[in-house]
Amino acid sequence: RRRYLHRLTAQALENLHSADLAPVSHQLATHYERAGLPHLAAPHFLRAARVARQVYANDEAICLIRRGLELIEDVKTNIGKVESASETVAQLWEELGDIFEQRAQHEQALLTYQNAQSRISNSDQIWQARLYRKKAAVLREQRHYAQALDACHQAEYALGSQPDRADDLWWVEWLEVQIEQVWAHYWLAKWPEMDTLLNKLQPIVQEHGKGGNRMRFLMASCLL
Protein backbone atom coordinates (compact mmCIF):
# COMPACT_ATOMS: atom_id res chain seq x y z
CA ARG A 1 0.00 0.00 0.00
CA ARG A 2 2.83 2.43 0.76
CA ARG A 3 4.28 1.91 -2.71
CA TYR A 4 0.90 2.64 -4.21
CA LEU A 5 0.62 5.89 -2.21
CA HIS A 6 4.10 6.99 -3.25
CA ARG A 7 3.18 6.35 -6.88
CA LEU A 8 -0.01 8.38 -6.54
CA THR A 9 1.92 11.21 -4.90
CA ALA A 10 4.49 11.24 -7.69
CA GLN A 11 1.79 11.27 -10.36
CA ALA A 12 -0.03 14.09 -8.57
CA LEU A 13 3.21 16.13 -8.42
CA GLU A 14 3.81 15.54 -12.13
CA ASN A 15 0.31 16.73 -12.99
CA LEU A 16 0.55 19.75 -10.70
CA HIS A 17 3.97 20.84 -11.98
CA SER A 18 3.71 19.59 -15.56
CA ALA A 19 4.93 22.94 -16.92
CA ASP A 20 8.21 22.68 -14.99
CA LEU A 21 9.23 19.52 -13.15
CA ALA A 22 12.68 20.79 -12.14
CA PRO A 23 11.68 22.28 -8.74
CA VAL A 24 10.09 18.99 -7.63
CA SER A 25 12.48 16.60 -9.40
CA HIS A 26 14.12 15.40 -6.18
CA GLN A 27 10.72 14.73 -4.61
CA LEU A 28 9.59 12.88 -7.72
CA ALA A 29 12.73 10.76 -7.74
CA THR A 30 12.25 9.83 -4.09
CA HIS A 31 8.56 8.97 -4.47
CA TYR A 32 9.12 6.85 -7.57
CA GLU A 33 12.01 5.05 -5.89
CA ARG A 34 9.85 4.27 -2.85
CA ALA A 35 7.07 3.19 -5.19
CA GLY A 36 9.40 0.52 -6.54
CA LEU A 37 9.64 2.17 -9.98
CA PRO A 38 13.37 2.77 -10.51
CA HIS A 39 13.02 3.30 -14.29
CA LEU A 40 10.83 6.33 -13.48
CA ALA A 41 12.95 7.50 -10.55
CA ALA A 42 16.32 7.56 -12.35
CA PRO A 43 15.48 10.30 -14.91
CA HIS A 44 14.24 12.50 -12.07
CA PHE A 45 17.49 11.92 -10.14
CA LEU A 46 19.28 13.17 -13.26
CA ARG A 47 17.06 16.26 -13.45
CA ALA A 48 17.54 16.89 -9.73
CA ALA A 49 21.32 16.69 -10.20
CA ARG A 50 21.14 19.30 -12.95
CA VAL A 51 19.11 21.55 -10.67
CA ALA A 52 21.74 21.13 -7.93
CA ARG A 53 24.51 22.03 -10.38
CA GLN A 54 22.80 25.31 -11.18
CA VAL A 55 23.50 26.46 -7.61
CA TYR A 56 26.98 24.85 -7.59
CA ALA A 57 25.88 22.08 -5.22
CA ASN A 58 28.15 19.60 -6.99
CA ASP A 59 28.55 17.23 -4.06
CA GLU A 60 24.78 16.86 -3.88
CA ALA A 61 24.61 16.43 -7.66
CA ILE A 62 27.16 13.62 -7.52
CA CYS A 63 25.15 11.81 -4.84
CA LEU A 64 21.96 12.15 -6.87
CA ILE A 65 23.62 10.83 -10.02
CA ARG A 66 25.13 7.88 -8.21
CA ARG A 67 21.78 7.02 -6.71
CA GLY A 68 20.22 7.16 -10.15
CA LEU A 69 22.92 4.85 -11.50
CA GLU A 70 22.40 2.36 -8.68
CA LEU A 71 18.68 2.22 -9.38
CA ILE A 72 18.90 1.98 -13.14
CA GLU A 73 21.26 -0.98 -13.04
CA ASP A 74 18.36 -3.03 -11.65
CA VAL A 75 16.11 -1.92 -14.50
CA LYS A 76 18.53 -3.23 -17.13
CA THR A 77 17.59 -6.78 -16.18
CA ASN A 78 14.09 -6.09 -17.52
CA ILE A 79 14.37 -6.70 -21.27
CA GLY A 80 11.49 -4.40 -22.11
CA LYS A 81 13.23 -1.41 -20.59
CA VAL A 82 16.83 -1.99 -21.68
CA GLU A 83 16.90 0.68 -24.39
CA SER A 84 15.46 3.51 -22.30
CA ALA A 85 17.52 2.42 -19.30
CA SER A 86 20.75 2.49 -21.34
CA GLU A 87 19.99 6.01 -22.52
CA THR A 88 19.35 7.19 -18.97
CA VAL A 89 22.55 5.51 -17.77
CA ALA A 90 24.53 7.26 -20.51
CA GLN A 91 23.01 10.62 -19.57
CA LEU A 92 23.86 10.06 -15.91
CA TRP A 93 27.47 9.12 -16.71
CA GLU A 94 27.89 12.11 -19.02
CA GLU A 95 26.53 14.49 -16.39
CA LEU A 96 28.92 13.01 -13.82
CA GLY A 97 31.79 13.44 -16.27
CA ASP A 98 30.90 17.10 -16.73
CA ILE A 99 31.07 17.63 -12.97
CA PHE A 100 34.44 15.90 -12.70
CA GLU A 101 35.84 17.98 -15.54
CA GLN A 102 34.52 21.17 -13.98
CA ARG A 103 36.44 20.17 -10.85
CA ALA A 104 39.59 19.43 -12.89
CA GLN A 105 39.35 15.74 -11.93
CA HIS A 106 40.47 14.80 -15.41
CA GLU A 107 41.07 11.07 -15.07
CA GLN A 108 37.66 10.53 -13.49
CA ALA A 109 36.08 12.61 -16.24
CA LEU A 110 37.67 10.49 -18.97
CA LEU A 111 36.50 7.28 -17.31
CA THR A 112 32.93 8.50 -16.90
CA TYR A 113 32.73 9.75 -20.48
CA GLN A 114 33.96 6.33 -21.60
CA ASN A 115 31.25 4.71 -19.48
CA ALA A 116 28.68 6.92 -21.16
CA GLN A 117 29.95 6.03 -24.64
CA SER A 118 29.74 2.32 -23.93
CA ARG A 119 25.99 2.70 -23.36
CA ILE A 120 25.31 4.59 -26.59
CA SER A 121 24.65 3.06 -29.98
CA ASN A 122 27.21 3.85 -32.67
CA SER A 123 24.28 4.99 -34.78
CA ASP A 124 23.77 7.94 -32.43
CA GLN A 125 26.33 10.00 -34.30
CA ILE A 126 25.91 13.34 -32.57
CA TRP A 127 26.00 11.94 -29.04
CA GLN A 128 29.06 9.82 -29.78
CA ALA A 129 30.80 12.81 -31.34
CA ARG A 130 29.97 15.04 -28.39
CA LEU A 131 31.55 12.60 -25.96
CA TYR A 132 34.69 12.28 -28.10
CA ARG A 133 34.89 16.07 -28.17
CA LYS A 134 34.51 16.29 -24.41
CA LYS A 135 37.29 13.73 -24.04
CA ALA A 136 39.42 15.87 -26.35
CA ALA A 137 38.85 18.89 -24.11
CA VAL A 138 39.89 16.85 -21.05
CA LEU A 139 43.04 15.64 -22.82
CA ARG A 140 43.85 19.22 -23.79
CA GLU A 141 43.59 20.27 -20.14
CA GLN A 142 45.98 17.41 -19.32
CA ARG A 143 48.37 18.79 -21.97
CA HIS A 144 48.03 15.66 -24.10
CA TYR A 145 47.56 17.72 -27.21
CA ALA A 146 48.26 15.06 -29.84
CA GLN A 147 45.78 12.71 -28.13
CA ALA A 148 43.26 15.55 -27.98
CA LEU A 149 43.60 16.00 -31.74
CA ASP A 150 43.11 12.25 -32.23
CA ALA A 151 39.92 12.42 -30.15
CA CYS A 152 38.68 15.25 -32.39
CA HIS A 153 39.31 13.08 -35.45
CA GLN A 154 37.32 10.29 -33.80
CA ALA A 155 34.51 12.77 -33.22
CA GLU A 156 34.58 13.72 -36.90
CA TYR A 157 34.44 10.06 -37.89
CA ALA A 158 31.53 9.46 -35.54
CA LEU A 159 29.60 12.37 -37.06
CA GLY A 160 30.04 11.06 -40.56
CA SER A 161 29.48 13.07 -43.71
CA GLN A 162 27.42 16.22 -43.97
CA PRO A 163 23.68 15.38 -43.89
CA ASP A 164 21.62 15.90 -47.05
CA ARG A 165 19.03 17.98 -45.25
CA ALA A 166 19.53 20.88 -42.88
CA ASP A 167 20.38 19.49 -39.45
CA ASP A 168 21.15 22.19 -36.89
CA LEU A 169 22.29 19.73 -34.23
CA TRP A 170 24.77 18.12 -36.62
CA TRP A 171 26.25 21.47 -37.62
CA VAL A 172 26.48 22.71 -34.03
CA GLU A 173 28.43 19.62 -32.97
CA TRP A 174 30.60 19.62 -36.11
CA LEU A 175 31.58 23.24 -35.44
CA GLU A 176 32.37 22.49 -31.79
CA VAL A 177 34.66 19.66 -32.89
CA GLN A 178 36.45 21.93 -35.37
CA ILE A 179 36.93 24.66 -32.76
CA GLU A 180 38.38 22.10 -30.36
CA GLN A 181 40.82 21.15 -33.13
CA VAL A 182 41.89 24.79 -33.40
CA TRP A 183 42.94 24.71 -29.76
CA ALA A 184 44.85 21.47 -30.25
CA HIS A 185 46.70 22.96 -33.25
CA TYR A 186 47.50 26.03 -31.16
CA TRP A 187 49.13 24.07 -28.35
CA LEU A 188 50.98 21.87 -30.85
CA ALA A 189 52.28 25.06 -32.52
CA LYS A 190 50.76 23.99 -35.84
CA TRP A 191 50.17 27.54 -37.02
CA PRO A 192 49.52 26.86 -40.75
CA GLU A 193 46.96 24.14 -39.94
CA MET A 194 45.33 26.45 -37.42
CA ASP A 195 45.13 29.35 -39.88
CA THR A 196 43.73 27.12 -42.63
CA LEU A 197 41.07 25.70 -40.33
CA LEU A 198 39.97 29.12 -39.04
CA ASN A 199 39.62 30.44 -42.59
CA LYS A 200 37.60 27.36 -43.53
CA LEU A 201 35.32 27.75 -40.53
CA GLN A 202 34.50 31.45 -40.82
CA PRO A 203 31.81 31.24 -43.55
CA ILE A 204 30.39 28.03 -42.03
CA VAL A 205 30.06 29.67 -38.62
CA GLN A 206 28.25 32.58 -40.25
CA GLU A 207 25.84 30.26 -42.04
CA HIS A 208 25.25 27.48 -39.48
CA GLY A 209 26.72 28.64 -36.17
CA LYS A 210 24.63 29.30 -33.08
CA GLY A 211 25.47 31.75 -30.31
CA GLY A 212 27.80 29.38 -28.47
CA ASN A 213 29.60 28.38 -31.67
CA ARG A 214 30.14 32.01 -32.64
CA MET A 215 31.48 32.96 -29.22
CA ARG A 216 33.94 30.03 -29.09
CA PHE A 217 35.01 30.62 -32.70
CA LEU A 218 35.76 34.27 -31.86
CA MET A 219 37.84 33.20 -28.85
CA ALA A 220 39.75 30.67 -30.96
CA SER A 221 40.34 33.29 -33.68
CA CYS A 222 42.03 35.52 -31.14
CA LEU A 223 44.75 32.89 -30.68
CA LEU A 224 46.44 33.88 -33.94
C-alpha atoms as a PDB file:
ATOM      1  CA  ARG A   1       0.000   0.000   0.000  1.00  0.00           C
ATOM      2  CA  ARG A   2       2.833   2.425   0.759  1.00  0.00           C
ATOM      3  CA  ARG A   3       4.277   1.906  -2.710  1.00  0.00           C
ATOM      4  CA  TYR A   4       0.905   2.645  -4.210  1.00  0.00           C
ATOM      5  CA  LEU A   5       0.621   5.886  -2.207  1.00  0.00           C
ATOM      6  CA  HIS A   6       4.101   6.989  -3.249  1.00  0.00           C
ATOM      7  CA  ARG A   7       3.177   6.354  -6.882  1.00  0.00           C
ATOM      8  CA  LEU A   8      -0.014   8.378  -6.540  1.00  0.00           C
ATOM      9  CA  THR A   9       1.919  11.210  -4.896  1.00  0.00           C
ATOM     10  CA  ALA A  10       4.490  11.244  -7.693  1.00  0.00           C
ATOM     11  CA  GLN A  11       1.793  11.273 -10.357  1.00  0.00           C
ATOM     12  CA  ALA A  12      -0.031  14.094  -8.568  1.00  0.00           C
ATOM     13  CA  LEU A  13       3.206  16.134  -8.422  1.00  0.00           C
ATOM     14  CA  GLU A  14       3.807  15.540 -12.129  1.00  0.00           C
ATOM     15  CA  ASN A  15       0.310  16.733 -12.986  1.00  0.00           C
ATOM     16  CA  LEU A  16       0.547  19.748 -10.704  1.00  0.00           C
ATOM     17  CA  HIS A  17       3.972  20.837 -11.978  1.00  0.00           C
ATOM     18  CA  SER A  18       3.709  19.592 -15.560  1.00  0.00           C
ATOM     19  CA  ALA A  19       4.935  22.938 -16.922  1.00  0.00           C
ATOM     20  CA  ASP A  20       8.208  22.678 -14.995  1.00  0.00           C
ATOM     21  CA  LEU A  21       9.234  19.516 -13.146  1.00  0.00           C
ATOM     22  CA  ALA A  22      12.680  20.791 -12.137  1.00  0.00           C
ATOM     23  CA  PRO A  23      11.684  22.276  -8.738  1.00  0.00           C
ATOM     24  CA  VAL A  24      10.093  18.986  -7.634  1.00  0.00           C
ATOM     25  CA  SER A  25      12.484  16.605  -9.398  1.00  0.00           C
ATOM     26  CA  HIS A  26      14.121  15.405  -6.181  1.00  0.00           C
ATOM     27  CA  GLN A  27      10.721  14.735  -4.610  1.00  0.00           C
ATOM     28  CA  LEU A  28       9.587  12.882  -7.725  1.00  0.00           C
ATOM     29  CA  ALA A  29      12.730  10.760  -7.738  1.00  0.00           C
ATOM     30  CA  THR A  30      12.245   9.827  -4.091  1.00  0.00           C
ATOM     31  CA  HIS A  31       8.565   8.968  -4.467  1.00  0.00           C
ATOM     32  CA  TYR A  32       9.118   6.847  -7.573  1.00  0.00           C
ATOM     33  CA  GLU A  33      12.014   5.054  -5.887  1.00  0.00           C
ATOM     34  CA  ARG A  34       9.846   4.273  -2.853  1.00  0.00           C
ATOM     35  CA  ALA A  35       7.066   3.193  -5.194  1.00  0.00           C
ATOM     36  CA  GLY A  36       9.400   0.523  -6.542  1.00  0.00           C
ATOM     37  CA  LEU A  37       9.640   2.171  -9.978  1.00  0.00           C
ATOM     38  CA  PRO A  38      13.372   2.773 -10.514  1.00  0.00           C
ATOM     39  CA  HIS A  39      13.020   3.303 -14.288  1.00  0.00           C
ATOM     40  CA  LEU A  40      10.831   6.326 -13.482  1.00  0.00           C
ATOM     41  CA  ALA A  41      12.946   7.505 -10.550  1.00  0.00           C
ATOM     42  CA  ALA A  42      16.321   7.562 -12.351  1.00  0.00           C
ATOM     43  CA  PRO A  43      15.485  10.301 -14.908  1.00  0.00           C
ATOM     44  CA  HIS A  44      14.244  12.503 -12.067  1.00  0.00           C
ATOM     45  CA  PHE A  45      17.487  11.919 -10.141  1.00  0.00           C
ATOM     46  CA  LEU A  46      19.279  13.170 -13.260  1.00  0.00           C
ATOM     47  CA  ARG A  47      17.060  16.259 -13.454  1.00  0.00           C
ATOM     48  CA  ALA A  48      17.542  16.890  -9.731  1.00  0.00           C
ATOM     49  CA  ALA A  49      21.317  16.687 -10.195  1.00  0.00           C
ATOM     50  CA  ARG A  50      21.142  19.302 -12.952  1.00  0.00           C
ATOM     51  CA  VAL A  51      19.114  21.554 -10.670  1.00  0.00           C
ATOM     52  CA  ALA A  52      21.739  21.130  -7.932  1.00  0.00           C
ATOM     53  CA  ARG A  53      24.514  22.026 -10.378  1.00  0.00           C
ATOM     54  CA  GLN A  54      22.798  25.309 -11.179  1.00  0.00           C
ATOM     55  CA  VAL A  55      23.499  26.458  -7.614  1.00  0.00           C
ATOM     56  CA  TYR A  56      26.978  24.849  -7.587  1.00  0.00           C
ATOM     57  CA  ALA A  57      25.880  22.080  -5.216  1.00  0.00           C
ATOM     58  CA  ASN A  58      28.147  19.604  -6.986  1.00  0.00           C
ATOM     59  CA  ASP A  59      28.545  17.225  -4.061  1.00  0.00           C
ATOM     60  CA  GLU A  60      24.778  16.865  -3.876  1.00  0.00           C
ATOM     61  CA  ALA A  61      24.612  16.435  -7.657  1.00  0.00           C
ATOM     62  CA  ILE A  62      27.162  13.620  -7.523  1.00  0.00           C
ATOM     63  CA  CYS A  63      25.151  11.814  -4.837  1.00  0.00           C
ATOM     64  CA  LEU A  64      21.960  12.153  -6.872  1.00  0.00           C
ATOM     65  CA  ILE A  65      23.622  10.831 -10.022  1.00  0.00           C
ATOM     66  CA  ARG A  66      25.134   7.876  -8.214  1.00  0.00           C
ATOM     67  CA  ARG A  67      21.778   7.019  -6.713  1.00  0.00           C
ATOM     68  CA  GLY A  68      20.215   7.158 -10.146  1.00  0.00           C
ATOM     69  CA  LEU A  69      22.919   4.853 -11.498  1.00  0.00           C
ATOM     70  CA  GLU A  70      22.396   2.359  -8.681  1.00  0.00           C
ATOM     71  CA  LEU A  71      18.681   2.222  -9.378  1.00  0.00           C
ATOM     72  CA  ILE A  72      18.895   1.977 -13.144  1.00  0.00           C
ATOM     73  CA  GLU A  73      21.263  -0.979 -13.042  1.00  0.00           C
ATOM     74  CA  ASP A  74      18.363  -3.028 -11.648  1.00  0.00           C
ATOM     75  CA  VAL A  75      16.114  -1.924 -14.503  1.00  0.00           C
ATOM     76  CA  LYS A  76      18.531  -3.234 -17.131  1.00  0.00           C
ATOM     77  CA  THR A  77      17.585  -6.780 -16.178  1.00  0.00           C
ATOM     78  CA  ASN A  78      14.090  -6.088 -17.516  1.00  0.00           C
ATOM     79  CA  ILE A  79      14.374  -6.701 -21.273  1.00  0.00           C
ATOM     80  CA  GLY A  80      11.485  -4.400 -22.111  1.00  0.00           C
ATOM     81  CA  LYS A  81      13.227  -1.410 -20.585  1.00  0.00           C
ATOM     82  CA  VAL A  82      16.832  -1.990 -21.677  1.00  0.00           C
ATOM     83  CA  GLU A  83      16.902   0.675 -24.395  1.00  0.00           C
ATOM     84  CA  SER A  84      15.456   3.513 -22.303  1.00  0.00           C
ATOM     85  CA  ALA A  85      17.521   2.421 -19.300  1.00  0.00           C
ATOM     86  CA  SER A  86      20.749   2.494 -21.337  1.00  0.00           C
ATOM     87  CA  GLU A  87      19.986   6.007 -22.520  1.00  0.00           C
ATOM     88  CA  THR A  88      19.350   7.195 -18.969  1.00  0.00           C
ATOM     89  CA  VAL A  89      22.548   5.506 -17.767  1.00  0.00           C
ATOM     90  CA  ALA A  90      24.529   7.256 -20.506  1.00  0.00           C
ATOM     91  CA  GLN A  91      23.012  10.619 -19.567  1.00  0.00           C
ATOM     92  CA  LEU A  92      23.858  10.064 -15.908  1.00  0.00           C
ATOM     93  CA  TRP A  93      27.471   9.120 -16.709  1.00  0.00           C
ATOM     94  CA  GLU A  94      27.890  12.112 -19.015  1.00  0.00           C
ATOM     95  CA  GLU A  95      26.533  14.491 -16.390  1.00  0.00           C
ATOM     96  CA  LEU A  96      28.918  13.013 -13.824  1.00  0.00           C
ATOM     97  CA  GLY A  97      31.795  13.436 -16.274  1.00  0.00           C
ATOM     98  CA  ASP A  98      30.899  17.105 -16.729  1.00  0.00           C
ATOM     99  CA  ILE A  99      31.068  17.633 -12.972  1.00  0.00           C
ATOM    100  CA  PHE A 100      34.443  15.898 -12.700  1.00  0.00           C
ATOM    101  CA  GLU A 101      35.842  17.978 -15.543  1.00  0.00           C
ATOM    102  CA  GLN A 102      34.522  21.173 -13.977  1.00  0.00           C
ATOM    103  CA  ARG A 103      36.437  20.167 -10.847  1.00  0.00           C
ATOM    104  CA  ALA A 104      39.586  19.429 -12.890  1.00  0.00           C
ATOM    105  CA  GLN A 105      39.347  15.737 -11.934  1.00  0.00           C
ATOM    106  CA  HIS A 106      40.469  14.797 -15.412  1.00  0.00           C
ATOM    107  CA  GLU A 107      41.070  11.066 -15.069  1.00  0.00           C
ATOM    108  CA  GLN A 108      37.661  10.530 -13.488  1.00  0.00           C
ATOM    109  CA  ALA A 109      36.081  12.610 -16.236  1.00  0.00           C
ATOM    110  CA  LEU A 110      37.671  10.494 -18.967  1.00  0.00           C
ATOM    111  CA  LEU A 111      36.498   7.284 -17.306  1.00  0.00           C
ATOM    112  CA  THR A 112      32.930   8.495 -16.899  1.00  0.00           C
ATOM    113  CA  TYR A 113      32.733   9.752 -20.483  1.00  0.00           C
ATOM    114  CA  GLN A 114      33.956   6.330 -21.597  1.00  0.00           C
ATOM    115  CA  ASN A 115      31.250   4.707 -19.479  1.00  0.00           C
ATOM    116  CA  ALA A 116      28.681   6.922 -21.159  1.00  0.00           C
ATOM    117  CA  GLN A 117      29.949   6.027 -24.637  1.00  0.00           C
ATOM    118  CA  SER A 118      29.745   2.324 -23.927  1.00  0.00           C
ATOM    119  CA  ARG A 119      25.993   2.702 -23.362  1.00  0.00           C
ATOM    120  CA  ILE A 120      25.306   4.591 -26.593  1.00  0.00           C
ATOM    121  CA  SER A 121      24.654   3.058 -29.976  1.00  0.00           C
ATOM    122  CA  ASN A 122      27.209   3.846 -32.670  1.00  0.00           C
ATOM    123  CA  SER A 123      24.281   4.991 -34.784  1.00  0.00           C
ATOM    124  CA  ASP A 124      23.768   7.942 -32.429  1.00  0.00           C
ATOM    125  CA  GLN A 125      26.326  10.003 -34.298  1.00  0.00           C
ATOM    126  CA  ILE A 126      25.909  13.344 -32.565  1.00  0.00           C
ATOM    127  CA  TRP A 127      26.001  11.939 -29.039  1.00  0.00           C
ATOM    128  CA  GLN A 128      29.056   9.819 -29.775  1.00  0.00           C
ATOM    129  CA  ALA A 129      30.804  12.813 -31.342  1.00  0.00           C
ATOM    130  CA  ARG A 130      29.967  15.043 -28.386  1.00  0.00           C
ATOM    131  CA  LEU A 131      31.550  12.602 -25.963  1.00  0.00           C
ATOM    132  CA  TYR A 132      34.688  12.278 -28.100  1.00  0.00           C
ATOM    133  CA  ARG A 133      34.887  16.073 -28.168  1.00  0.00           C
ATOM    134  CA  LYS A 134      34.510  16.290 -24.409  1.00  0.00           C
ATOM    135  CA  LYS A 135      37.292  13.729 -24.038  1.00  0.00           C
ATOM    136  CA  ALA A 136      39.421  15.869 -26.354  1.00  0.00           C
ATOM    137  CA  ALA A 137      38.853  18.888 -24.107  1.00  0.00           C
ATOM    138  CA  VAL A 138      39.892  16.853 -21.054  1.00  0.00           C
ATOM    139  CA  LEU A 139      43.041  15.635 -22.818  1.00  0.00           C
ATOM    140  CA  ARG A 140      43.850  19.219 -23.786  1.00  0.00           C
ATOM    141  CA  GLU A 141      43.589  20.270 -20.141  1.00  0.00           C
ATOM    142  CA  GLN A 142      45.982  17.413 -19.318  1.00  0.00           C
ATOM    143  CA  ARG A 143      48.367  18.787 -21.972  1.00  0.00           C
ATOM    144  CA  HIS A 144      48.030  15.656 -24.096  1.00  0.00           C
ATOM    145  CA  TYR A 145      47.558  17.725 -27.215  1.00  0.00           C
ATOM    146  CA  ALA A 146      48.256  15.062 -29.838  1.00  0.00           C
ATOM    147  CA  GLN A 147      45.781  12.713 -28.130  1.00  0.00           C
ATOM    148  CA  ALA A 148      43.263  15.553 -27.976  1.00  0.00           C
ATOM    149  CA  LEU A 149      43.602  16.001 -31.738  1.00  0.00           C
ATOM    150  CA  ASP A 150      43.107  12.253 -32.226  1.00  0.00           C
ATOM    151  CA  ALA A 151      39.917  12.417 -30.154  1.00  0.00           C
ATOM    152  CA  CYS A 152      38.681  15.253 -32.392  1.00  0.00           C
ATOM    153  CA  HIS A 153      39.312  13.080 -35.450  1.00  0.00           C
ATOM    154  CA  GLN A 154      37.323  10.288 -33.797  1.00  0.00           C
ATOM    155  CA  ALA A 155      34.507  12.767 -33.215  1.00  0.00           C
ATOM    156  CA  GLU A 156      34.579  13.717 -36.902  1.00  0.00           C
ATOM    157  CA  TYR A 157      34.444  10.063 -37.895  1.00  0.00           C
ATOM    158  CA  ALA A 158      31.526   9.458 -35.538  1.00  0.00           C
ATOM    159  CA  LEU A 159      29.599  12.372 -37.059  1.00  0.00           C
ATOM    160  CA  GLY A 160      30.043  11.061 -40.562  1.00  0.00           C
ATOM    161  CA  SER A 161      29.483  13.068 -43.715  1.00  0.00           C
ATOM    162  CA  GLN A 162      27.415  16.222 -43.965  1.00  0.00           C
ATOM    163  CA  PRO A 163      23.685  15.377 -43.895  1.00  0.00           C
ATOM    164  CA  ASP A 164      21.617  15.903 -47.048  1.00  0.00           C
ATOM    165  CA  ARG A 165      19.030  17.984 -45.248  1.00  0.00           C
ATOM    166  CA  ALA A 166      19.529  20.878 -42.882  1.00  0.00           C
ATOM    167  CA  ASP A 167      20.376  19.495 -39.452  1.00  0.00           C
ATOM    168  CA  ASP A 168      21.155  22.195 -36.888  1.00  0.00           C
ATOM    169  CA  LEU A 169      22.288  19.726 -34.228  1.00  0.00           C
ATOM    170  CA  TRP A 170      24.774  18.117 -36.620  1.00  0.00           C
ATOM    171  CA  TRP A 171      26.251  21.469 -37.619  1.00  0.00           C
ATOM    172  CA  VAL A 172      26.480  22.710 -34.034  1.00  0.00           C
ATOM    173  CA  GLU A 173      28.433  19.624 -32.971  1.00  0.00           C
ATOM    174  CA  TRP A 174      30.596  19.624 -36.112  1.00  0.00           C
ATOM    175  CA  LEU A 175      31.583  23.243 -35.436  1.00  0.00           C
ATOM    176  CA  GLU A 176      32.372  22.491 -31.791  1.00  0.00           C
ATOM    177  CA  VAL A 177      34.664  19.656 -32.889  1.00  0.00           C
ATOM    178  CA  GLN A 178      36.452  21.927 -35.372  1.00  0.00           C
ATOM    179  CA  ILE A 179      36.931  24.663 -32.764  1.00  0.00           C
ATOM    180  CA  GLU A 180      38.381  22.104 -30.359  1.00  0.00           C
ATOM    181  CA  GLN A 181      40.823  21.149 -33.125  1.00  0.00           C
ATOM    182  CA  VAL A 182      41.894  24.791 -33.405  1.00  0.00           C
ATOM    183  CA  TRP A 183      42.936  24.706 -29.759  1.00  0.00           C
ATOM    184  CA  ALA A 184      44.854  21.473 -30.249  1.00  0.00           C
ATOM    185  CA  HIS A 185      46.702  22.956 -33.247  1.00  0.00           C
ATOM    186  CA  TYR A 186      47.504  26.031 -31.161  1.00  0.00           C
ATOM    187  CA  TRP A 187      49.130  24.070 -28.354  1.00  0.00           C
ATOM    188  CA  LEU A 188      50.982  21.872 -30.849  1.00  0.00           C
ATOM    189  CA  ALA A 189      52.283  25.063 -32.521  1.00  0.00           C
ATOM    190  CA  LYS A 190      50.763  23.987 -35.843  1.00  0.00           C
ATOM    191  CA  TRP A 191      50.173  27.543 -37.020  1.00  0.00           C
ATOM    192  CA  PRO A 192      49.525  26.858 -40.747  1.00  0.00           C
ATOM    193  CA  GLU A 193      46.963  24.143 -39.936  1.00  0.00           C
ATOM    194  CA  MET A 194      45.328  26.446 -37.416  1.00  0.00           C
ATOM    195  CA  ASP A 195      45.133  29.346 -39.875  1.00  0.00           C
ATOM    196  CA  THR A 196      43.728  27.117 -42.630  1.00  0.00           C
ATOM    197  CA  LEU A 197      41.070  25.700 -40.326  1.00  0.00           C
ATOM    198  CA  LEU A 198      39.975  29.116 -39.042  1.00  0.00           C
ATOM    199  CA  ASN A 199      39.622  30.443 -42.593  1.00  0.00           C
ATOM    200  CA  LYS A 200      37.598  27.359 -43.528  1.00  0.00           C
ATOM    201  CA  LEU A 201      35.318  27.751 -40.530  1.00  0.00           C
ATOM    202  CA  GLN A 202      34.505  31.453 -40.818  1.00  0.00           C
ATOM    203  CA  PRO A 203      31.809  31.239 -43.546  1.00  0.00           C
ATOM    204  CA  ILE A 204      30.386  28.032 -42.031  1.00  0.00           C
ATOM    205  CA  VAL A 205      30.062  29.673 -38.621  1.00  0.00           C
ATOM    206  CA  GLN A 206      28.249  32.583 -40.250  1.00  0.00           C
ATOM    207  CA  GLU A 207      25.840  30.257 -42.037  1.00  0.00           C
ATOM    208  CA  HIS A 208      25.251  27.485 -39.479  1.00  0.00           C
ATOM    209  CA  GLY A 209      26.721  28.636 -36.167  1.00  0.00           C
ATOM    210  CA  LYS A 210      24.627  29.296 -33.085  1.00  0.00           C
ATOM    211  CA  GLY A 211      25.470  31.754 -30.313  1.00  0.00           C
ATOM    212  CA  GLY A 212      27.795  29.383 -28.475  1.00  0.00           C
ATOM    213  CA  ASN A 213      29.596  28.376 -31.673  1.00  0.00           C
ATOM    214  CA  ARG A 214      30.137  32.006 -32.637  1.00  0.00           C
ATOM    215  CA  MET A 215      31.483  32.957 -29.224  1.00  0.00           C
ATOM    216  CA  ARG A 216      33.942  30.032 -29.086  1.00  0.00           C
ATOM    217  CA  PHE A 217      35.006  30.619 -32.697  1.00  0.00           C
ATOM    218  CA  LEU A 218      35.765  34.271 -31.864  1.00  0.00           C
ATOM    219  CA  MET A 219      37.837  33.202 -28.846  1.00  0.00           C
ATOM    220  CA  ALA A 220      39.755  30.671 -30.964  1.00  0.00           C
ATOM    221  CA  SER A 221      40.336  33.287 -33.684  1.00  0.00           C
ATOM    222  CA  CYS A 222      42.029  35.520 -31.141  1.00  0.00           C
ATOM    223  CA  LEU A 223      44.747  32.886 -30.680  1.00  0.00           C
ATOM    224  CA  LEU A 224      46.443  33.877 -33.942  1.00  0.00           C
END
